[in-house]
Amino acid sequence: MHPAVELLAKRMESNPDEFVQGHERHHRWERIIEKYIPHMNDEDKTVIRSKYDTLQLDQMHKEVMVELLYGEEPRNELTFEKLKEVADKLTKEASSTECGLYKLHFSISEGLH
């Protein structure tokens, strides 16, 4: 693996939020990836694409959970940071039981209002 790809992969692991669409630094990383991915070998491309896609799908999962639980209610200034905070609570507090979902709904409501 090329050293630059290794560094970027480590950065994705240590600061995944920076690679998620909507984050202020996302554009910076996306620009670099798009510029150099044509020059990477197949192994390097696979590493970068796999990590990047996983981060995007993790973010999609968080947004879907917020949407399912919060629905069509108005969102007061739902910024990236608030969405991240709510999504983190979803990840930590959600369980498959009704009790867990009940607690989670109120946790989300507190964070968004």
N, C-alpha and C. Protein backbone atom coordinates (compact mmCIF):
# COMPACT_ATOMS: atom_id res chain seq x y z
N MET A 1 0.86 -1.17 0.00
CA MET A 1 0.00 0.00 0.00
C MET A 1 0.90 1.24 0.00
N HIS A 2 0.52 2.21 -0.80
CA HIS A 2 1.28 3.45 -0.87
C HIS A 2 1.19 4.17 0.47
N PRO A 3 2.29 4.81 0.93
CA PRO A 3 2.27 5.50 2.22
C PRO A 3 1.19 6.58 2.34
N ALA A 4 0.90 7.28 1.26
CA ALA A 4 -0.15 8.31 1.30
C ALA A 4 -1.52 7.69 1.51
N VAL A 5 -1.76 6.55 0.91
CA VAL A 5 -3.03 5.84 1.08
C VAL A 5 -3.14 5.35 2.51
N GLU A 6 -2.05 4.85 3.04
CA GLU A 6 -2.04 4.39 4.42
C GLU A 6 -2.35 5.53 5.39
N LEU A 7 -1.75 6.70 5.16
CA LEU A 7 -2.03 7.87 6.00
C LEU A 7 -3.49 8.28 5.92
N LEU A 8 -4.02 8.30 4.71
CA LEU A 8 -5.41 8.69 4.52
C LEU A 8 -6.35 7.68 5.18
N ALA A 9 -6.04 6.41 5.06
CA ALA A 9 -6.86 5.38 5.69
C ALA A 9 -6.85 5.53 7.21
N LYS A 10 -5.69 5.83 7.76
CA LYS A 10 -5.59 6.05 9.22
C LYS A 10 -6.37 7.29 9.64
N ARG A 11 -6.33 8.32 8.80
CA ARG A 11 -7.09 9.54 9.10
C ARG A 11 -8.59 9.24 9.09
N MET A 12 -9.03 8.41 8.17
CA MET A 12 -10.44 8.01 8.11
C MET A 12 -10.84 7.28 9.39
N GLU A 13 -9.94 6.50 9.93
CA GLU A 13 -10.23 5.76 11.16
C GLU A 13 -10.23 6.69 12.37
N SER A 14 -9.28 7.63 12.42
CA SER A 14 -9.16 8.49 13.60
C SER A 14 -10.12 9.67 13.59
N ASN A 15 -10.52 10.13 12.41
CA ASN A 15 -11.41 11.29 12.28
C ASN A 15 -12.48 11.03 11.22
N PRO A 16 -13.32 10.04 11.43
CA PRO A 16 -14.28 9.67 10.39
C PRO A 16 -15.25 10.78 10.01
N ASP A 17 -15.57 11.66 10.95
CA ASP A 17 -16.52 12.74 10.65
C ASP A 17 -16.05 13.64 9.53
N GLU A 18 -14.74 13.81 9.40
CA GLU A 18 -14.21 14.69 8.36
C GLU A 18 -14.47 14.18 6.95
N PHE A 19 -14.83 12.94 6.81
CA PHE A 19 -15.04 12.33 5.50
C PHE A 19 -16.52 12.18 5.16
N VAL A 20 -17.38 12.62 6.07
CA VAL A 20 -18.82 12.48 5.87
C VAL A 20 -19.36 13.74 5.22
N GLN A 21 -20.21 13.54 4.21
CA GLN A 21 -20.82 14.68 3.51
C GLN A 21 -21.56 15.55 4.51
N GLY A 22 -21.32 16.84 4.42
CA GLY A 22 -21.93 17.79 5.34
C GLY A 22 -20.94 18.35 6.34
N HIS A 23 -19.85 17.66 6.56
CA HIS A 23 -18.83 18.17 7.47
C HIS A 23 -18.01 19.23 6.75
N GLU A 24 -17.56 20.24 7.50
CA GLU A 24 -16.83 21.35 6.88
C GLU A 24 -15.54 20.92 6.19
N ARG A 25 -14.94 19.81 6.60
CA ARG A 25 -13.68 19.36 5.99
C ARG A 25 -13.89 18.29 4.92
N HIS A 26 -15.11 17.87 4.71
CA HIS A 26 -15.38 16.80 3.74
C HIS A 26 -14.86 17.16 2.35
N HIS A 27 -15.12 18.38 1.92
CA HIS A 27 -14.74 18.80 0.57
C HIS A 27 -13.22 18.68 0.37
N ARG A 28 -12.48 19.03 1.39
CA ARG A 28 -11.00 18.97 1.30
C ARG A 28 -10.54 17.54 1.01
N TRP A 29 -11.08 16.57 1.74
CA TRP A 29 -10.66 15.18 1.55
C TRP A 29 -11.20 14.61 0.25
N GLU A 30 -12.43 14.95 -0.08
CA GLU A 30 -13.03 14.45 -1.31
C GLU A 30 -12.23 14.92 -2.53
N ARG A 31 -11.80 16.16 -2.49
CA ARG A 31 -11.01 16.74 -3.59
C ARG A 31 -9.71 15.96 -3.79
N ILE A 32 -9.04 15.66 -2.69
CA ILE A 32 -7.77 14.92 -2.77
C ILE A 32 -8.01 13.50 -3.29
N ILE A 33 -9.01 12.85 -2.76
CA ILE A 33 -9.31 11.47 -3.19
C ILE A 33 -9.63 11.44 -4.68
N GLU A 34 -10.52 12.33 -5.12
CA GLU A 34 -10.90 12.35 -6.54
C GLU A 34 -9.71 12.66 -7.45
N LYS A 35 -8.83 13.53 -6.97
CA LYS A 35 -7.67 13.92 -7.79
C LYS A 35 -6.70 12.76 -7.99
N TYR A 36 -6.49 11.95 -6.95
CA TYR A 36 -5.44 10.94 -7.01
C TYR A 36 -5.91 9.51 -7.19
N ILE A 37 -7.17 9.25 -7.05
CA ILE A 37 -7.63 7.86 -7.19
C ILE A 37 -7.35 7.27 -8.57
N PRO A 38 -7.37 8.06 -9.64
CA PRO A 38 -7.04 7.46 -10.95
C PRO A 38 -5.59 6.95 -11.02
N HIS A 39 -4.73 7.44 -10.14
CA HIS A 39 -3.32 7.06 -10.17
C HIS A 39 -2.99 5.93 -9.20
N MET A 40 -3.98 5.49 -8.44
CA MET A 40 -3.75 4.43 -7.45
C MET A 40 -3.85 3.06 -8.10
N ASN A 41 -3.12 2.12 -7.51
CA ASN A 41 -3.27 0.74 -7.99
C ASN A 41 -4.57 0.18 -7.43
N ASP A 42 -4.94 -1.01 -7.86
CA ASP A 42 -6.23 -1.59 -7.46
C ASP A 42 -6.34 -1.78 -5.96
N GLU A 43 -5.26 -2.21 -5.32
CA GLU A 43 -5.29 -2.41 -3.87
C GLU A 43 -5.58 -1.09 -3.13
N ASP A 44 -4.87 -0.03 -3.53
CA ASP A 44 -5.07 1.27 -2.89
C ASP A 44 -6.48 1.81 -3.12
N LYS A 45 -6.97 1.66 -4.35
CA LYS A 45 -8.34 2.09 -4.66
C LYS A 45 -9.35 1.35 -3.79
N THR A 46 -9.16 0.06 -3.63
CA THR A 46 -10.08 -0.75 -2.84
C THR A 46 -10.09 -0.29 -1.39
N VAL A 47 -8.92 -0.03 -0.84
CA VAL A 47 -8.83 0.42 0.56
C VAL A 47 -9.57 1.74 0.73
N ILE A 48 -9.27 2.70 -0.11
CA ILE A 48 -9.88 4.03 0.02
C ILE A 48 -11.39 3.96 -0.21
N ARG A 49 -11.81 3.32 -1.28
CA ARG A 49 -13.24 3.25 -1.59
C ARG A 49 -14.01 2.50 -0.51
N SER A 50 -13.44 1.44 -0.01
CA SER A 50 -14.11 0.64 1.02
C SER A 50 -14.31 1.46 2.29
N LYS A 51 -13.25 2.11 2.74
CA LYS A 51 -13.34 2.92 3.96
C LYS A 51 -14.29 4.10 3.76
N TYR A 52 -14.16 4.77 2.62
CA TYR A 52 -14.99 5.94 2.33
C TYR A 52 -16.46 5.54 2.24
N ASP A 53 -16.73 4.46 1.52
CA ASP A 53 -18.12 4.00 1.38
C ASP A 53 -18.71 3.59 2.72
N THR A 54 -17.91 2.92 3.55
CA THR A 54 -18.39 2.52 4.87
C THR A 54 -18.77 3.74 5.71
N LEU A 55 -17.94 4.78 5.66
CA LEU A 55 -18.24 6.00 6.41
C LEU A 55 -19.54 6.65 5.92
N GLN A 56 -19.74 6.67 4.59
CA GLN A 56 -20.95 7.26 4.05
C GLN A 56 -22.18 6.44 4.45
N LEU A 57 -22.06 5.13 4.40
CA LEU A 57 -23.19 4.27 4.76
C LEU A 57 -23.49 4.35 6.26
N ASP A 58 -22.46 4.49 7.08
CA ASP A 58 -22.68 4.70 8.52
C ASP A 58 -23.46 5.99 8.75
N GLN A 59 -23.08 7.03 8.02
CA GLN A 59 -23.80 8.30 8.15
C GLN A 59 -25.24 8.16 7.66
N MET A 60 -25.43 7.45 6.55
CA MET A 60 -26.79 7.22 6.05
C MET A 60 -27.62 6.50 7.11
N HIS A 61 -27.04 5.51 7.76
CA HIS A 61 -27.75 4.77 8.81
C HIS A 61 -28.20 5.72 9.92
N LYS A 62 -27.32 6.61 10.34
CA LYS A 62 -27.67 7.57 11.39
C LYS A 62 -28.80 8.49 10.93
N GLU A 63 -28.72 8.97 9.70
CA GLU A 63 -29.75 9.87 9.19
C GLU A 63 -31.09 9.16 9.03
N VAL A 64 -31.06 7.90 8.60
CA VAL A 64 -32.30 7.13 8.47
C VAL A 64 -32.93 6.94 9.85
N MET A 65 -32.12 6.64 10.84
CA MET A 65 -32.64 6.46 12.20
C MET A 65 -33.28 7.75 12.72
N VAL A 66 -32.63 8.88 12.48
CA VAL A 66 -33.20 10.17 12.90
C VAL A 66 -34.52 10.40 12.17
N GLU A 67 -34.53 10.13 10.88
CA GLU A 67 -35.74 10.34 10.08
C GLU A 67 -36.88 9.44 10.55
N LEU A 68 -36.58 8.19 10.80
CA LEU A 68 -37.62 7.25 11.26
C LEU A 68 -38.18 7.65 12.62
N LEU A 69 -37.33 8.12 13.48
CA LEU A 69 -37.77 8.47 14.83
C LEU A 69 -38.33 9.88 14.92
N TYR A 70 -37.83 10.78 14.10
CA TYR A 70 -38.24 12.18 14.20
C TYR A 70 -39.30 12.55 13.18
N GLY A 71 -39.32 11.86 12.06
CA GLY A 71 -40.36 12.03 11.06
C GLY A 71 -40.43 13.40 10.43
N GLU A 72 -41.66 13.83 10.20
CA GLU A 72 -41.92 15.08 9.48
C GLU A 72 -41.93 16.31 10.39
N GLU A 73 -41.68 16.14 11.68
CA GLU A 73 -41.69 17.28 12.58
C GLU A 73 -40.61 18.27 12.17
N PRO A 74 -40.87 19.56 12.37
CA PRO A 74 -39.86 20.56 11.98
C PRO A 74 -38.57 20.38 12.78
N ARG A 75 -37.48 20.62 12.14
CA ARG A 75 -36.18 20.51 12.80
C ARG A 75 -35.58 21.90 12.94
N ASN A 76 -35.43 22.35 14.14
CA ASN A 76 -34.85 23.66 14.38
C ASN A 76 -33.35 23.60 14.21
N GLU A 77 -32.85 24.24 13.16
CA GLU A 77 -31.42 24.33 12.91
C GLU A 77 -30.72 22.98 13.05
N LEU A 78 -31.16 22.02 12.27
CA LEU A 78 -30.55 20.70 12.31
C LEU A 78 -29.21 20.75 11.57
N THR A 79 -28.18 21.17 12.28
CA THR A 79 -26.85 21.29 11.70
C THR A 79 -26.16 19.94 11.71
N PHE A 80 -25.04 19.89 11.05
CA PHE A 80 -24.27 18.66 11.02
C PHE A 80 -23.90 18.23 12.43
N GLU A 81 -23.48 19.18 13.25
CA GLU A 81 -23.07 18.83 14.61
C GLU A 81 -24.24 18.30 15.43
N LYS A 82 -25.42 18.91 15.29
CA LYS A 82 -26.59 18.40 16.01
C LYS A 82 -26.97 17.02 15.51
N LEU A 83 -26.91 16.84 14.20
CA LEU A 83 -27.22 15.53 13.64
C LEU A 83 -26.25 14.49 14.16
N LYS A 84 -24.98 14.83 14.23
CA LYS A 84 -23.98 13.91 14.75
C LYS A 84 -24.27 13.58 16.21
N GLU A 85 -24.59 14.60 16.99
CA GLU A 85 -24.90 14.38 18.40
C GLU A 85 -26.08 13.44 18.57
N VAL A 86 -27.13 13.69 17.80
CA VAL A 86 -28.32 12.85 17.87
C VAL A 86 -27.99 11.43 17.40
N ALA A 87 -27.25 11.34 16.30
CA ALA A 87 -26.91 10.02 15.77
C ALA A 87 -26.05 9.24 16.75
N ASP A 88 -25.15 9.93 17.44
CA ASP A 88 -24.33 9.26 18.44
C ASP A 88 -25.20 8.72 19.58
N LYS A 89 -26.19 9.51 19.97
CA LYS A 89 -27.12 9.04 21.00
C LYS A 89 -27.90 7.83 20.50
N LEU A 90 -28.29 7.88 19.23
CA LEU A 90 -29.00 6.74 18.65
C LEU A 90 -28.15 5.48 18.74
N THR A 91 -26.92 5.62 18.37
CA THR A 91 -26.03 4.47 18.36
C THR A 91 -25.82 3.91 19.76
N LYS A 92 -25.69 4.79 20.74
CA LYS A 92 -25.39 4.37 22.11
C LYS A 92 -26.62 3.87 22.85
N GLU A 93 -27.77 4.51 22.64
CA GLU A 93 -28.93 4.23 23.47
C GLU A 93 -29.95 3.30 22.85
N ALA A 94 -29.94 3.19 21.54
CA ALA A 94 -30.99 2.41 20.88
C ALA A 94 -30.84 0.93 21.19
N SER A 95 -31.97 0.33 21.39
CA SER A 95 -32.00 -1.12 21.52
C SER A 95 -33.24 -1.59 20.80
N SER A 96 -33.40 -2.87 20.67
CA SER A 96 -34.55 -3.39 19.94
C SER A 96 -35.81 -3.39 20.79
N THR A 97 -35.71 -3.01 22.05
CA THR A 97 -36.88 -3.02 22.92
C THR A 97 -37.64 -1.71 22.80
N GLU A 98 -38.91 -1.74 23.13
CA GLU A 98 -39.71 -0.52 23.11
C GLU A 98 -39.16 0.49 24.10
N CYS A 99 -38.72 0.03 25.23
CA CYS A 99 -38.18 0.92 26.26
C CYS A 99 -37.00 1.71 25.72
N GLY A 100 -36.09 1.03 25.02
CA GLY A 100 -34.94 1.71 24.44
C GLY A 100 -35.34 2.74 23.42
N LEU A 101 -36.32 2.42 22.58
CA LEU A 101 -36.79 3.37 21.57
C LEU A 101 -37.51 4.54 22.21
N TYR A 102 -38.25 4.28 23.28
CA TYR A 102 -38.95 5.35 24.00
C TYR A 102 -37.94 6.34 24.57
N LYS A 103 -36.92 5.82 25.24
CA LYS A 103 -35.88 6.69 25.80
C LYS A 103 -35.18 7.45 24.68
N LEU A 104 -34.92 6.79 23.59
CA LEU A 104 -34.22 7.40 22.49
C LEU A 104 -35.01 8.54 21.88
N HIS A 105 -36.33 8.36 21.72
CA HIS A 105 -37.16 9.41 21.14
C HIS A 105 -37.05 10.69 21.97
N PHE A 106 -37.12 10.58 23.27
CA PHE A 106 -37.02 11.76 24.12
C PHE A 106 -35.61 12.34 24.11
N SER A 107 -34.62 11.50 24.00
CA SER A 107 -33.25 11.97 23.90
C SER A 107 -33.05 12.79 22.63
N ILE A 108 -33.60 12.31 21.52
CA ILE A 108 -33.49 13.04 20.25
C ILE A 108 -34.26 14.35 20.34
N SER A 109 -35.46 14.31 20.88
CA SER A 109 -36.26 15.52 20.98
C SER A 109 -35.54 16.60 21.78
N GLU A 110 -34.88 16.22 22.85
CA GLU A 110 -34.14 17.17 23.67
C GLU A 110 -33.00 17.79 22.87
N GLY A 111 -32.32 16.98 22.08
CA GLY A 111 -31.17 17.47 21.33
C GLY A 111 -31.53 18.37 20.18
N LEU A 112 -32.73 18.25 19.64
CA LEU A 112 -33.10 19.02 18.45
C LEU A 112 -33.95 20.25 18.75
N HIS A 113 -34.47 20.37 19.94
CA HIS A 113 -35.32 21.52 20.24
C HIS A 113 -34.59 22.53 21.08
